[in-house]
Amino acid sequence: MPVELVDSGLDLETEADRVSRQVDDFFARLLVSPPDSRERLFEAMRHAAIGGGKRLRPLLTIAAARLFAIDEERALRVAAAIEAIHVYSLIHDDLPSMDDDDLRRGKPTVHKAFGEATAVLAGDSLHALAFEILAHEATDSDPVVRCDLVLELSQASGPNGMAGGQMMDLLAERQALDLPAVTRLQQLKTGALIEYAVEAACIMVRLAREERTPYRGFARNVGLAFQITDDLIDHSGNEAAAGKRTGKDASAGKATFVSLLGPDRARQQARLLVEQAIDHLGSHGDEADLLRAIARFAIERDR
């Protein structure tokens, strides 16, 4: 069934703004600068974690929690842990030894604002903070659930997930990647954490692994649709929409969905992925409307 780009923007925008404020408030409470020489480290962590960004991963977690009527305060803790991992990865990705960017989320990158050494420590600290949040009993009273949340996030963010995808991306300039290779790269670099953002809700309600299949499928399709749209925005040169410098992949000779498919076919593929994502939620009613709106937004951003 073709995707109808219904005008759900107001509801989605309201929800996204609300979740973004909640995440900001959570980090603001957690990252209070101590009155000693660690103050600069905390300032750098706050600079990276508070304000800006689409907050896609926290929004997905909150939306997925609605499917199972999970208490939102508990879901918010998981959402903040995922965002802490995402933000740490952005800090490190922006370093001169990696992507060497000076703009992120519309403001100076952490190494530009605080120096490289502080940026490395800020990323390390946010990485550790994510697992501290998940392991706390306030996240879930069941230690087995907390262990599963930690285990799955470590896998999604490590060499078999986000970090592995980043390694593949670093080497992409020297390789002629085809479409399956680029898809695999993006499924690891960006998709693994997006999948975890949805699957975390399944873990919190103790769904068996085989019962999580449609939710992982939804997240996988949405993640790829977002990446294709990011490539389209980067191709268009719209730095305001991207929140960072554009055109770097093209100038470096890296293969992207747009360079391999062309803009028109890339848009068609993103639309197909959103259709498939929404189909995965067929067993749910109104409680899945926020997830459906997020899926549609993946391709609406390029309009």
Protein backbone atom coordinates (compact mmCIF):
# COMPACT_ATOMS: atom_id res chain seq x y z
CA MET A 1 0.00 0.00 0.00
CA PRO A 2 1.53 3.39 -0.97
CA VAL A 3 2.52 5.69 1.87
CA GLU A 4 0.12 8.60 2.31
CA LEU A 5 2.02 11.61 3.56
CA VAL A 6 -0.76 12.67 5.86
CA ASP A 7 -0.36 15.95 7.66
CA SER A 8 0.71 14.55 11.02
CA GLY A 9 3.42 17.17 11.40
CA LEU A 10 1.77 19.09 14.23
CA ASP A 11 1.35 16.02 16.44
CA LEU A 12 4.81 14.72 15.64
CA GLU A 13 6.42 18.11 16.13
CA THR A 14 4.70 18.48 19.50
CA GLU A 15 5.81 15.03 20.63
CA ALA A 16 9.35 15.52 19.35
CA ASP A 17 9.67 18.86 21.14
CA ARG A 18 8.33 17.36 24.35
CA VAL A 19 10.72 14.41 24.27
CA SER A 20 13.62 16.69 23.38
CA ARG A 21 12.87 18.88 26.41
CA GLN A 22 12.61 15.82 28.64
CA VAL A 23 15.98 14.53 27.43
CA ASP A 24 17.55 17.95 27.91
CA ASP A 25 16.13 18.20 31.43
CA PHE A 26 17.37 14.70 32.26
CA PHE A 27 20.93 15.53 31.18
CA ALA A 28 20.80 18.94 32.86
CA ARG A 29 19.95 17.28 36.18
CA LEU A 30 22.51 14.52 35.73
CA LEU A 31 25.42 16.62 34.46
CA VAL A 32 25.74 19.24 37.18
CA SER A 33 29.28 20.62 37.07
CA PRO A 34 31.25 19.88 40.26
CA PRO A 35 33.22 22.68 41.96
CA ASP A 36 36.61 21.26 41.01
CA SER A 37 38.86 20.76 37.99
CA ARG A 38 36.34 18.41 36.33
CA GLU A 39 34.10 21.38 35.61
CA ARG A 40 35.35 21.78 32.05
CA LEU A 41 34.64 18.11 31.31
CA PHE A 42 31.05 18.46 32.50
CA GLU A 43 30.64 21.65 30.48
CA ALA A 44 31.80 19.80 27.36
CA MET A 45 29.37 16.94 28.05
CA ARG A 46 26.52 19.41 28.50
CA HIS A 47 27.51 21.25 25.31
CA ALA A 48 27.19 18.02 23.34
CA ALA A 49 24.20 16.43 25.07
CA ILE A 50 21.86 19.35 25.68
CA GLY A 51 20.09 21.12 22.84
CA GLY A 52 19.91 20.50 19.12
CA GLY A 53 19.55 17.37 17.05
CA LYS A 54 16.49 15.46 15.90
CA ARG A 55 16.42 13.25 19.05
CA LEU A 56 15.26 10.47 16.74
CA ARG A 57 16.47 7.64 18.95
CA PRO A 58 14.86 8.87 22.20
CA LEU A 59 11.65 9.62 20.31
CA LEU A 60 11.61 6.10 18.89
CA THR A 61 12.08 4.63 22.36
CA ILE A 62 9.26 6.69 23.85
CA ALA A 63 7.02 5.82 20.88
CA ALA A 64 7.83 2.10 21.13
CA ALA A 65 7.16 2.18 24.88
CA ARG A 66 3.61 3.32 24.09
CA LEU A 67 2.97 0.09 22.23
CA PHE A 68 3.25 -1.78 25.53
CA ALA A 69 2.07 0.93 27.97
CA ILE A 70 5.52 1.15 29.58
CA ASP A 71 5.88 3.85 32.23
CA GLU A 72 7.32 6.87 30.43
CA GLU A 73 9.76 7.80 33.20
CA ARG A 74 11.42 4.41 32.84
CA ALA A 75 11.36 4.67 29.05
CA LEU A 76 12.93 8.12 29.28
CA ARG A 77 15.90 6.71 31.18
CA VAL A 78 16.51 4.18 28.42
CA ALA A 79 16.02 6.89 25.81
CA ALA A 80 18.60 9.10 27.53
CA ALA A 81 21.08 6.22 27.70
CA ILE A 82 20.73 5.66 23.96
CA GLU A 83 21.16 9.39 23.31
CA ALA A 84 24.29 9.40 25.48
CA ILE A 85 25.80 6.70 23.25
CA HIS A 86 24.74 8.58 20.12
CA VAL A 87 26.21 11.86 21.37
CA TYR A 88 29.49 10.22 22.39
CA SER A 89 29.77 8.80 18.88
CA LEU A 90 29.19 12.23 17.35
CA ILE A 91 31.89 13.80 19.52
CA HIS A 92 34.42 11.20 18.44
CA ASP A 93 33.29 11.17 14.79
CA ASP A 94 33.87 14.93 14.59
CA LEU A 95 37.49 14.73 15.81
CA PRO A 96 40.29 15.66 13.37
CA SER A 97 41.46 12.03 13.39
CA MET A 98 38.02 10.92 12.16
CA ASP A 99 35.68 13.12 10.08
CA ASP A 100 37.25 16.44 11.15
CA ASP A 101 34.07 18.50 11.41
CA ASP A 102 33.71 21.90 13.06
CA LEU A 103 29.91 22.13 13.14
CA ARG A 104 27.40 19.78 14.74
CA ARG A 105 23.73 20.41 15.51
CA GLY A 106 24.20 23.99 14.43
CA LYS A 107 26.96 24.80 16.92
CA PRO A 108 30.73 24.26 17.21
CA THR A 109 31.81 20.67 17.66
CA VAL A 110 33.14 19.77 21.10
CA HIS A 111 36.80 19.66 20.07
CA LYS A 112 36.44 23.12 18.52
CA ALA A 113 34.84 24.53 21.65
CA PHE A 114 36.86 22.70 24.32
CA GLY A 115 39.91 21.14 22.64
CA GLU A 116 40.61 17.62 21.45
CA ALA A 117 41.66 16.11 24.77
CA THR A 118 38.52 17.30 26.55
CA ALA A 119 36.40 16.12 23.61
CA VAL A 120 37.82 12.59 23.88
CA LEU A 121 37.12 12.52 27.63
CA ALA A 122 33.61 13.92 27.15
CA GLY A 123 32.83 11.16 24.66
CA ASP A 124 34.31 8.51 26.95
CA SER A 125 32.29 9.82 29.88
CA LEU A 126 28.99 9.84 27.97
CA HIS A 127 29.68 6.27 26.85
CA ALA A 128 30.14 5.19 30.46
CA LEU A 129 27.14 7.23 31.58
CA ALA A 130 24.83 5.34 29.22
CA PHE A 131 25.50 2.02 30.93
CA GLU A 132 25.36 3.59 34.38
CA ILE A 133 21.83 4.79 33.58
CA LEU A 134 20.70 1.39 32.29
CA ALA A 135 22.20 -0.53 35.21
CA HIS A 136 20.43 1.63 37.81
CA GLU A 137 17.40 0.04 39.46
CA ALA A 138 15.34 3.14 38.61
CA THR A 139 15.39 1.95 34.99
CA ASP A 140 13.82 -1.40 35.84
CA SER A 141 13.33 -3.33 39.07
CA ASP A 142 14.23 -6.61 37.36
CA PRO A 143 18.02 -7.11 37.20
CA VAL A 144 17.60 -9.52 34.27
CA VAL A 145 15.92 -6.80 32.23
CA ARG A 146 18.67 -4.34 33.14
CA CYS A 147 21.35 -6.84 32.12
CA ASP A 148 19.59 -7.47 28.80
CA LEU A 149 19.34 -3.74 28.15
CA VAL A 150 23.06 -3.35 28.83
CA LEU A 151 24.02 -6.38 26.76
CA GLU A 152 22.00 -5.36 23.70
CA LEU A 153 23.21 -1.75 23.82
CA SER A 154 26.83 -2.84 24.09
CA GLN A 155 26.38 -5.03 21.01
CA ALA A 156 24.58 -2.27 19.09
CA SER A 157 27.30 0.26 19.84
CA GLY A 158 30.42 -1.91 19.55
CA PRO A 159 32.37 -3.58 16.73
CA ASN A 160 29.32 -5.55 15.59
CA GLY A 161 27.27 -2.35 15.49
CA MET A 162 27.92 1.37 15.42
CA ALA A 163 31.69 1.33 15.94
CA GLY A 164 32.14 -1.38 13.32
CA GLY A 165 30.12 0.67 10.85
CA GLN A 166 32.26 3.72 11.56
CA MET A 167 35.38 1.68 10.82
CA MET A 168 33.87 0.64 7.51
CA ASP A 169 33.03 4.28 6.81
CA LEU A 170 36.59 5.40 7.52
CA LEU A 171 37.85 2.94 4.90
CA ALA A 172 35.12 3.78 2.39
CA GLU A 173 37.23 6.47 0.69
CA ARG A 174 39.67 3.79 -0.47
CA GLN A 175 37.07 1.30 -1.67
CA ALA A 176 34.51 1.16 -4.46
CA LEU A 177 31.45 0.10 -2.47
CA ASP A 178 28.35 -1.29 -4.17
CA LEU A 179 24.78 -0.92 -2.89
CA PRO A 180 24.79 -3.99 -0.59
CA ALA A 181 28.08 -2.82 0.96
CA VAL A 182 26.79 0.71 1.58
CA THR A 183 23.58 -0.72 3.00
CA ARG A 184 25.52 -2.96 5.38
CA LEU A 185 27.75 -0.06 6.42
CA GLN A 186 24.77 2.13 7.26
CA GLN A 187 22.89 -0.69 9.00
CA LEU A 188 25.82 -0.90 11.40
CA LYS A 189 26.89 2.73 11.67
CA THR A 190 23.43 4.27 12.17
CA GLY A 191 20.93 1.44 11.97
CA ALA A 192 22.10 -0.70 14.90
CA LEU A 193 21.41 2.00 17.48
CA ILE A 194 18.08 2.88 15.86
CA GLU A 195 17.06 -0.79 16.01
CA TYR A 196 18.03 -0.90 19.67
CA ALA A 197 15.95 2.23 20.35
CA VAL A 198 12.83 0.26 19.39
CA GLU A 199 13.90 -3.17 20.66
CA ALA A 200 14.63 -1.75 24.12
CA ALA A 201 10.89 -1.45 24.70
CA CYS A 202 10.52 -5.11 23.77
CA ILE A 203 13.19 -6.01 26.32
CA MET A 204 11.42 -3.99 29.02
CA VAL A 205 8.21 -6.01 28.56
CA ARG A 206 10.18 -9.27 28.31
CA LEU A 207 9.19 -10.18 24.76
CA ALA A 208 10.94 -13.30 23.51
CA ARG A 209 13.54 -12.67 20.82
CA GLU A 210 11.39 -14.18 18.07
CA GLU A 211 8.50 -11.91 19.09
CA ARG A 212 10.64 -8.84 18.49
CA THR A 213 11.06 -9.52 14.76
CA PRO A 214 8.44 -7.06 13.44
CA TYR A 215 9.74 -4.27 15.68
CA ARG A 216 13.32 -4.82 14.57
CA GLY A 217 12.06 -4.86 10.98
CA PHE A 218 10.26 -1.56 11.51
CA ALA A 219 13.36 0.06 12.99
CA ARG A 220 15.69 -1.34 10.31
CA ASN A 221 13.53 0.05 7.50
CA VAL A 222 13.09 3.42 9.19
CA GLY A 223 16.82 3.70 9.86
CA LEU A 224 17.67 3.11 6.20
CA ALA A 225 14.97 5.54 5.08
CA PHE A 226 16.42 8.23 7.36
CA GLN A 227 19.91 7.57 6.01
CA ILE A 228 18.78 7.81 2.40
CA THR A 229 17.07 11.10 3.18
CA ASP A 230 20.20 12.34 4.96
CA ASP A 231 22.15 11.51 1.79
CA LEU A 232 19.58 13.43 -0.28
CA ILE A 233 19.84 16.45 2.03
CA ASP A 234 23.63 16.26 1.89
CA HIS A 235 23.45 16.01 -1.91
CA SER A 236 21.25 19.13 -2.04
CA GLY A 237 23.80 21.10 0.01
CA ASN A 238 21.21 22.21 2.57
CA GLU A 239 23.45 22.78 5.61
CA ALA A 240 20.59 24.30 7.62
CA ALA A 241 18.62 21.05 7.34
CA ALA A 242 21.71 18.90 7.89
CA GLY A 243 23.03 20.85 10.90
CA LYS A 244 26.58 20.28 9.67
CA ARG A 245 28.75 20.75 6.62
CA THR A 246 27.45 19.06 3.49
CA GLY A 247 29.09 17.52 0.45
CA LYS A 248 31.98 15.92 2.32
CA ASP A 249 31.20 12.36 1.21
CA ALA A 250 31.03 13.40 -2.43
CA SER A 251 34.27 15.35 -2.25
CA ALA A 252 35.97 12.37 -0.58
CA GLY A 253 34.69 10.00 -3.26
CA LYS A 254 32.57 7.96 -0.84
CA ALA A 255 29.67 5.98 -2.24
CA THR A 256 26.24 6.94 -0.90
CA PHE A 257 22.70 5.86 -1.67
CA VAL A 258 22.34 8.94 -3.86
CA SER A 259 25.57 8.41 -5.78
CA LEU A 260 24.65 4.76 -6.42
CA LEU A 261 20.95 5.14 -7.14
CA GLY A 262 20.55 8.75 -8.22
CA PRO A 263 18.18 11.16 -6.39
CA ASP A 264 14.93 9.90 -7.94
CA ARG A 265 15.55 6.20 -7.33
CA ALA A 266 16.85 6.97 -3.84
CA ARG A 267 13.60 8.76 -2.99
CA GLN A 268 11.60 5.83 -4.35
CA GLN A 269 13.61 3.40 -2.24
CA ALA A 270 13.11 5.50 0.89
CA ARG A 271 9.37 5.60 0.26
CA LEU A 272 9.27 1.81 -0.17
CA LEU A 273 11.16 1.34 3.09
CA VAL A 274 8.65 3.52 4.93
CA GLU A 275 5.76 1.52 3.47
CA GLN A 276 7.37 -1.68 4.69
CA ALA A 277 8.08 -0.19 8.10
CA ILE A 278 4.45 0.79 8.60
CA ASP A 279 3.34 -2.68 7.48
CA HIS A 280 5.35 -4.16 10.36
CA LEU A 281 2.99 -2.37 12.78
CA GLY A 282 -0.14 -3.93 11.28
CA SER A 283 -1.10 -5.72 14.50
CA HIS A 284 -1.27 -2.43 16.42
CA GLY A 285 -3.89 0.30 16.53
CA ASP A 286 -3.74 3.92 17.67
CA GLU A 287 -0.95 3.17 20.13
CA ALA A 288 1.42 2.89 17.12
CA ASP A 289 0.46 6.24 15.57
CA LEU A 290 3.57 8.01 16.84
CA LEU A 291 5.82 5.32 15.34
CA ARG A 292 3.95 5.60 12.05
CA ALA A 293 4.35 9.39 12.08
CA ILE A 294 8.11 9.01 12.69
CA ALA A 295 8.35 6.64 9.73
CA ARG A 296 6.56 9.11 7.45
CA PHE A 297 8.76 11.94 8.70
CA ALA A 298 11.82 10.03 7.47
CA ILE A 299 10.90 10.94 3.91
CA GLU A 300 8.95 14.15 4.54
CA ARG A 301 12.20 15.89 5.58
CA ASP A 302 13.36 15.94 1.94
CA ARG A 303 10.28 17.70 0.60
